[in-house]
Amino acid sequence: MTDDKTLYMVVPCYNEEEVLHETAKRLKEKYISLRQRGLISEESRVVFVNDGSRDKTWSIIQELHTAAPTFFSGINLARNSGHQNAVLAGLTTVKDICSMAITMDADLQDDINAIDAMVEKYHEGNQVVYGVRSARKTDTFFKRFTAEGFYKFMKVMGADVVYNHADFRLMSRRVLQELANYREVNLFLRGLVPLIGFQSCNVYYERAERFAGESKYPLKKMLAFAINGITSFSTKPLKLITSVGFIMSVISIIMIIWALVVKIAGHSEYGWSSTMCAIWFIGGLQLLALGIIGEYIGKIYAEVKQRPRFIVADFINEEK
C-alpha cells in the first residue's frame, strides 16, 4: 500500500533520443526539490513509456534506470500503439503503486515547474489537476487558429473538454482506478478524464518550444486526432445528417411543386446548369453523410473486436 505522497510521472516516448537525457535531468532535479520540500515520497518515480521507438529511446531508458533506479523506471511496449495508448499503458501499470500520477510529453514543452503547483493542489483535496496553457505565444497563427477552433468546436459538439488543455495533468489513484473501467479502444483522454468527475482544478503555465527533435503530431495526425475526439464523444454529426436530410426533403418538395407549376404554365425547358448543380449538390451531401456514418461504424467495428489497446513487453522498476 502506498502512502499519500507517492508520485509517478508517466512520460510517453516515441523516437525521443535527442531530448531524453535533458528531460531526465530536469525531472530528476524537480524530484529532488519536491522530496526535500516533503511534497512527494522517496518511492516516487519517473516512468518513461517507450512506444515502439525505432531509435535508441529504449536503451537510453534502460541506462537511466540503471544509473538512478530510485528516480527512473521504464515501460517498453511490444509495438507502437499511439500516444494516447502509451499514456494509458503507463497509467494502468502504475495505478496500484502510486497515490497520484502526472502525465506529460517528453519534449519539454510542458512546464516542469508547474508540477509543484499540481502536487500542492492535490494535497488540498483535488483529485484531478489540469495543466492549462495560459497563452499560445509560441504557436504559429495557423496552429493557434486551428487549436483554439478545435476546442470551441468540441464544446459545440457536446464534448466536455478543458479549454487549452492537452495531456499534462495530475490524477489521483482513485481517478486512475475509475479510468481503468473505461474499455473503449478509440481513446481520447482529454474528453475521457473530465467525464469521470471528482473535484478538479486548473494550473496555468506557458508552453515552451520543443527542446529538440521533431513534432510527432503533423497536420495529418492532428486532423485524425480531432476527428477521433469528435466522433468518440458526440453523436451530433449523426443528428446533423438527420437535420440536413429533413431540410433537403422540404426543399425537394418545394422544387417538385415549382416544377409542376412551370409545366402547367407551359415553360417546361429547364436549364442544364441548374440541373447539374442540383445533382452534384445532392450527391455531395449523400457522400458526406455516408462518410460520417462510416466513421461511426468503423469505431463500432474496432470496439466490438475488443483487441488489447497495448501490450507491455517490459516494466523495469525498483521499489524501496
Protein backbone atom coordinates (compact mmCIF):
# COMPACT_ATOMS: atom_id res chain seq x y z
CA MET A 1 0.00 0.00 0.00
CA THR A 2 1.45 3.36 -0.98
CA ASP A 3 1.38 6.49 1.15
CA ASP A 4 -0.37 9.69 0.09
CA LYS A 5 2.77 11.25 -1.42
CA THR A 6 3.93 8.71 -3.98
CA LEU A 7 4.08 10.47 -7.35
CA TYR A 8 4.65 8.60 -10.61
CA MET A 9 5.33 10.69 -13.70
CA VAL A 10 4.20 8.95 -16.90
CA VAL A 11 6.16 10.21 -19.93
CA PRO A 12 5.29 8.64 -23.33
CA CYS A 13 8.28 8.48 -25.68
CA TYR A 14 8.43 7.86 -29.41
CA ASN A 15 11.83 8.39 -31.03
CA GLU A 16 12.94 10.84 -28.32
CA GLU A 17 16.67 10.02 -28.15
CA GLU A 18 17.61 13.67 -28.82
CA VAL A 19 15.74 15.07 -25.84
CA LEU A 20 15.51 12.19 -23.36
CA HIS A 21 18.72 12.89 -21.40
CA GLU A 22 17.78 16.54 -20.88
CA THR A 23 14.22 15.60 -19.90
CA ALA A 24 15.54 13.10 -17.36
CA LYS A 25 18.00 15.63 -15.96
CA ARG A 26 15.32 18.29 -15.39
CA LEU A 27 12.82 15.82 -13.94
CA LYS A 28 15.43 14.44 -11.54
CA GLU A 29 16.21 17.95 -10.31
CA LYS A 30 12.48 18.56 -9.84
CA TYR A 31 12.03 15.30 -7.92
CA ILE A 32 14.93 16.15 -5.60
CA SER A 33 13.33 19.52 -4.88
CA LEU A 34 9.88 18.01 -4.28
CA ARG A 35 11.30 15.36 -1.95
CA GLN A 36 13.21 17.96 0.04
CA ARG A 37 10.02 20.00 0.45
CA GLY A 38 8.16 16.91 1.65
CA LEU A 39 5.60 17.08 -1.17
CA ILE A 40 6.41 13.62 -2.56
CA SER A 41 7.86 10.46 -1.02
CA GLU A 42 11.12 8.66 -1.72
CA GLU A 43 9.14 5.94 -3.53
CA SER A 44 8.15 8.40 -6.27
CA ARG A 45 9.42 7.61 -9.77
CA VAL A 46 9.51 8.90 -13.35
CA VAL A 47 8.22 6.24 -15.76
CA PHE A 48 9.27 6.59 -19.38
CA VAL A 49 6.97 4.65 -21.74
CA ASN A 50 8.69 3.57 -24.93
CA ASP A 51 6.00 3.48 -27.62
CA GLY A 52 7.74 1.24 -30.14
CA SER A 53 10.52 3.72 -30.93
CA ARG A 54 12.84 2.97 -33.84
CA ASP A 55 15.83 4.81 -32.38
CA LYS A 56 17.78 4.37 -29.11
CA THR A 57 14.97 5.56 -26.84
CA TRP A 58 14.52 2.24 -25.00
CA SER A 59 18.24 1.69 -24.46
CA ILE A 60 18.52 5.23 -23.02
CA ILE A 61 15.61 4.49 -20.66
CA GLN A 62 17.39 1.34 -19.51
CA GLU A 63 20.58 3.31 -18.92
CA LEU A 64 18.70 5.93 -16.91
CA HIS A 65 17.13 3.24 -14.74
CA THR A 66 20.46 1.53 -14.16
CA ALA A 67 22.18 4.81 -13.22
CA ALA A 68 19.36 6.10 -10.97
CA PRO A 69 16.87 3.32 -10.13
CA THR A 70 15.31 5.37 -7.31
CA PHE A 71 14.31 8.03 -9.83
CA PHE A 72 13.67 6.38 -13.20
CA SER A 73 11.59 3.42 -14.34
CA GLY A 74 10.66 2.26 -17.80
CA ILE A 75 7.87 0.55 -19.71
CA ASN A 76 8.55 -0.95 -23.11
CA LEU A 77 5.51 -1.56 -25.33
CA ALA A 78 5.65 -4.50 -27.72
CA ARG A 79 4.80 -2.25 -30.68
CA ASN A 80 3.87 1.32 -31.49
CA SER A 81 0.38 1.79 -30.03
CA GLY A 82 -0.02 5.55 -30.41
CA HIS A 83 0.37 8.43 -27.98
CA GLN A 84 -2.95 8.01 -26.15
CA ASN A 85 -2.47 4.27 -25.67
CA ALA A 86 1.10 4.81 -24.47
CA VAL A 87 -0.18 7.26 -21.83
CA LEU A 88 -2.87 4.79 -20.79
CA ALA A 89 -0.34 1.94 -20.64
CA GLY A 90 1.76 3.92 -18.19
CA LEU A 91 -1.19 4.94 -16.05
CA THR A 92 -2.61 1.41 -15.97
CA THR A 93 0.75 -0.05 -14.97
CA VAL A 94 1.37 2.35 -12.06
CA LYS A 95 -2.19 2.87 -10.78
CA ASP A 96 -1.76 0.43 -7.88
CA ILE A 97 1.71 1.59 -6.78
CA CYS A 98 1.19 5.36 -6.67
CA SER A 99 -1.07 7.79 -4.88
CA MET A 100 -1.01 10.27 -7.79
CA ALA A 101 0.27 10.29 -11.36
CA ILE A 102 1.18 13.12 -13.72
CA THR A 103 1.31 12.68 -17.48
CA MET A 104 3.44 14.89 -19.68
CA ASP A 105 5.22 14.65 -23.02
CA ALA A 106 8.97 14.15 -23.29
CA ASP A 107 9.66 17.18 -25.50
CA LEU A 108 9.89 19.67 -22.56
CA GLN A 109 7.16 21.90 -23.94
CA ASP A 110 5.12 21.37 -20.78
CA ASP A 111 6.44 23.47 -17.89
CA ILE A 112 8.11 21.17 -15.35
CA ASN A 113 7.91 23.92 -12.74
CA ALA A 114 4.10 23.64 -12.85
CA ILE A 115 4.44 20.21 -11.20
CA ASP A 116 4.88 21.89 -7.80
CA ALA A 117 1.52 23.63 -8.07
CA MET A 118 -0.14 20.44 -9.31
CA VAL A 119 1.07 18.42 -6.33
CA GLU A 120 0.07 21.21 -3.92
CA LYS A 121 -3.43 21.31 -5.44
CA TYR A 122 -3.64 17.53 -4.99
CA HIS A 123 -2.76 17.83 -1.29
CA GLU A 124 -5.51 20.46 -1.00
CA GLY A 125 -8.04 17.79 -1.95
CA ASN A 126 -8.26 17.92 -5.76
CA GLN A 127 -8.43 14.55 -7.48
CA VAL A 128 -7.63 15.91 -10.96
CA VAL A 129 -5.41 18.89 -11.75
CA TYR A 130 -5.31 20.07 -15.36
CA GLY A 131 -2.27 21.81 -16.81
CA VAL A 132 -3.76 24.58 -18.96
CA ARG A 133 -1.88 26.84 -21.34
CA SER A 134 -2.17 30.50 -20.36
CA ALA A 135 -1.16 31.67 -23.85
CA ARG A 136 -0.13 30.39 -27.28
CA LYS A 137 2.74 32.78 -27.99
CA THR A 138 5.00 30.03 -29.38
CA ASP A 139 2.41 28.80 -31.89
CA THR A 140 2.11 29.90 -35.48
CA PHE A 141 -1.08 31.68 -36.47
CA PHE A 142 -2.35 28.55 -38.24
CA LYS A 143 -1.60 26.33 -35.24
CA ARG A 144 -3.22 28.76 -32.81
CA PHE A 145 -6.28 29.26 -35.00
CA THR A 146 -6.89 25.54 -35.60
CA ALA A 147 -6.19 24.52 -31.98
CA GLU A 148 -8.49 27.11 -30.44
CA GLY A 149 -11.10 26.36 -33.08
CA PHE A 150 -10.87 22.67 -32.20
CA TYR A 151 -11.63 23.25 -28.50
CA LYS A 152 -14.55 25.54 -29.31
CA PHE A 153 -15.92 23.07 -31.85
CA MET A 154 -15.66 20.23 -29.33
CA LYS A 155 -17.75 22.29 -26.90
CA VAL A 156 -20.36 22.90 -29.60
CA MET A 157 -20.42 19.16 -30.31
CA GLY A 158 -21.18 18.48 -26.64
CA ALA A 159 -17.81 17.08 -25.52
CA ASP A 160 -16.71 18.22 -22.05
CA VAL A 161 -13.10 19.24 -22.67
CA VAL A 162 -10.92 21.70 -20.76
CA TYR A 163 -10.04 24.66 -22.98
CA ASN A 164 -6.32 24.81 -23.95
CA HIS A 165 -5.55 21.61 -22.04
CA ALA A 166 -3.67 18.76 -23.71
CA ASP A 167 -2.35 15.74 -21.76
CA PHE A 168 -0.42 17.49 -18.99
CA ARG A 169 -2.47 16.57 -15.91
CA LEU A 170 -2.37 15.05 -12.44
CA MET A 171 -4.76 12.29 -11.42
CA SER A 172 -5.20 10.62 -8.05
CA ARG A 173 -5.11 6.84 -7.59
CA ARG A 174 -8.90 6.86 -7.19
CA VAL A 175 -9.32 8.52 -10.59
CA LEU A 176 -6.84 6.10 -12.17
CA GLN A 177 -8.82 3.15 -10.83
CA GLU A 178 -12.02 4.57 -12.31
CA LEU A 179 -10.25 5.32 -15.61
CA ALA A 180 -9.33 1.63 -15.86
CA ASN A 181 -13.06 0.82 -16.02
CA TYR A 182 -13.36 2.60 -19.37
CA ARG A 183 -12.69 -0.02 -22.03
CA GLU A 184 -13.05 1.88 -25.30
CA VAL A 185 -10.47 1.28 -27.99
CA ASN A 186 -10.76 4.74 -29.56
CA LEU A 187 -9.06 6.74 -26.82
CA PHE A 188 -9.45 10.46 -26.34
CA LEU A 189 -8.20 11.15 -22.83
CA ARG A 190 -8.88 14.90 -22.99
CA GLY A 191 -12.59 14.10 -23.11
CA LEU A 192 -12.50 10.92 -21.02
CA VAL A 193 -10.91 12.31 -17.84
CA PRO A 194 -13.46 15.14 -17.35
CA LEU A 195 -16.18 12.52 -17.87
CA ILE A 196 -15.00 10.64 -14.76
CA GLY A 197 -15.77 13.58 -12.48
CA PHE A 198 -14.33 14.20 -8.98
CA GLN A 199 -13.04 17.51 -7.65
CA SER A 200 -10.71 19.21 -10.11
CA CYS A 201 -8.93 22.49 -10.75
CA ASN A 202 -6.58 24.12 -13.27
CA VAL A 203 -2.92 25.13 -13.08
CA TYR A 204 -1.86 27.63 -15.73
CA TYR A 205 1.53 27.66 -17.43
CA GLU A 206 3.28 28.93 -20.55
CA ARG A 207 4.18 26.24 -23.05
CA ALA A 208 7.74 26.38 -24.38
CA GLU A 209 9.06 25.44 -27.79
CA ARG A 210 10.17 21.86 -28.36
CA PHE A 211 13.67 21.34 -26.91
CA ALA A 212 14.89 19.02 -29.68
CA GLY A 213 13.67 16.62 -32.33
CA GLU A 214 10.57 16.85 -34.48
CA SER A 215 6.89 17.05 -33.61
CA LYS A 216 5.16 13.67 -33.56
CA TYR A 217 1.84 15.33 -34.49
CA PRO A 218 1.93 16.67 -38.06
CA LEU A 219 -1.22 18.15 -39.59
CA LYS A 220 -2.47 14.76 -40.83
CA LYS A 221 -2.29 13.24 -37.34
CA MET A 222 -3.81 16.34 -35.75
CA LEU A 223 -6.82 16.11 -38.07
CA ALA A 224 -7.22 12.39 -37.35
CA PHE A 225 -6.94 13.14 -33.61
CA ALA A 226 -9.63 15.83 -33.86
CA ILE A 227 -12.00 13.55 -35.80
CA ASN A 228 -11.43 10.79 -33.24
CA GLY A 229 -12.22 13.19 -30.40
CA ILE A 230 -15.43 14.42 -32.01
CA THR A 231 -16.77 11.01 -33.01
CA SER A 232 -15.80 9.42 -29.68
CA PHE A 233 -17.75 11.87 -27.55
CA SER A 234 -20.54 13.27 -29.67
CA THR A 235 -23.38 11.95 -31.82
CA LYS A 236 -24.26 15.43 -33.04
CA PRO A 237 -22.78 14.79 -36.53
CA LEU A 238 -25.31 11.97 -36.95
CA LYS A 239 -28.11 14.23 -35.75
CA LEU A 240 -26.87 16.89 -38.16
CA ILE A 241 -27.25 14.43 -41.04
CA THR A 242 -30.88 13.89 -40.00
CA SER A 243 -31.49 17.66 -39.89
CA VAL A 244 -29.86 18.22 -43.28
CA GLY A 245 -31.87 15.31 -44.72
CA PHE A 246 -35.09 16.83 -43.43
CA ILE A 247 -34.21 20.25 -44.86
CA MET A 248 -33.32 18.74 -48.24
CA SER A 249 -36.62 16.82 -48.25
CA VAL A 250 -38.52 20.07 -47.71
CA ILE A 251 -36.52 21.75 -50.48
CA SER A 252 -37.23 18.79 -52.79
CA ILE A 253 -40.98 19.10 -52.18
CA ILE A 254 -40.80 22.82 -52.95
CA MET A 255 -38.84 22.09 -56.15
CA ILE A 256 -41.40 19.48 -57.22
CA ILE A 257 -44.22 21.97 -56.73
CA TRP A 258 -42.24 24.58 -58.68
CA ALA A 259 -41.59 22.10 -61.50
CA LEU A 260 -45.30 21.26 -61.72
CA VAL A 261 -46.24 24.95 -61.81
CA VAL A 262 -43.71 25.58 -64.60
CA LYS A 263 -45.03 22.55 -66.50
CA ILE A 264 -48.63 23.69 -66.25
CA ALA A 265 -47.62 27.21 -67.35
CA GLY A 266 -46.06 25.76 -70.46
CA HIS A 267 -42.45 26.64 -69.64
CA SER A 268 -41.05 23.10 -69.45
CA GLU A 269 -37.48 23.75 -70.57
CA TYR A 270 -35.09 23.54 -67.64
CA GLY A 271 -31.58 24.91 -67.60
CA TRP A 272 -28.70 22.40 -67.78
CA SER A 273 -26.65 24.32 -65.21
CA SER A 274 -29.30 24.31 -62.51
CA THR A 275 -29.93 20.58 -63.08
CA MET A 276 -26.25 19.65 -62.84
CA CYS A 277 -25.73 21.85 -59.75
CA ALA A 278 -28.63 20.12 -58.02
CA ILE A 279 -27.29 16.67 -58.91
CA TRP A 280 -23.77 17.45 -57.69
CA PHE A 281 -25.06 19.13 -54.53
CA ILE A 282 -27.33 16.23 -53.55
CA GLY A 283 -24.62 13.70 -54.49
CA GLY A 284 -22.04 15.50 -52.38
CA LEU A 285 -24.37 15.58 -49.38
CA GLN A 286 -25.05 11.86 -49.73
CA LEU A 287 -21.35 11.01 -49.85
CA LEU A 288 -20.64 13.26 -46.87
CA ALA A 289 -23.45 11.61 -44.89
CA LEU A 290 -22.18 8.13 -45.80
CA GLY A 291 -18.66 9.16 -44.74
CA ILE A 292 -19.82 10.34 -41.32
CA ILE A 293 -21.92 7.22 -40.80
CA GLY A 294 -18.96 5.10 -41.93
CA GLU A 295 -16.72 6.79 -39.34
CA TYR A 296 -19.07 5.72 -36.56
CA ILE A 297 -19.50 2.22 -37.98
CA GLY A 298 -15.71 1.90 -38.12
CA LYS A 299 -15.48 2.78 -34.44
CA ILE A 300 -18.15 0.22 -33.58
CA TYR A 301 -16.16 -2.38 -35.57
CA ALA A 302 -13.00 -1.59 -33.61
CA GLU A 303 -14.79 -1.65 -30.25
CA VAL A 304 -16.62 -4.97 -30.67
CA LYS A 305 -13.40 -6.83 -31.54
CA GLN A 306 -12.06 -5.88 -28.07
CA ARG A 307 -8.43 -6.21 -29.08
CA PRO A 308 -5.89 -5.12 -26.43
CA ARG A 309 -5.10 -1.41 -26.68
CA PHE A 310 -1.45 -2.00 -25.81
CA ILE A 311 0.90 -4.82 -24.81
CA VAL A 312 3.62 -4.21 -22.21
CA ALA A 313 6.74 -6.14 -23.14
CA ASP A 314 8.92 -4.97 -20.18
CA PHE A 315 8.50 -2.98 -16.97
CA ILE A 316 11.67 -2.01 -15.14
CA ASN A 317 11.04 -0.53 -11.72
CA GLU A 318 12.70 -0.56 -8.33
CA GLU A 319 10.52 -0.05 -5.28
CA LYS A 320 12.06 0.73 -1.91
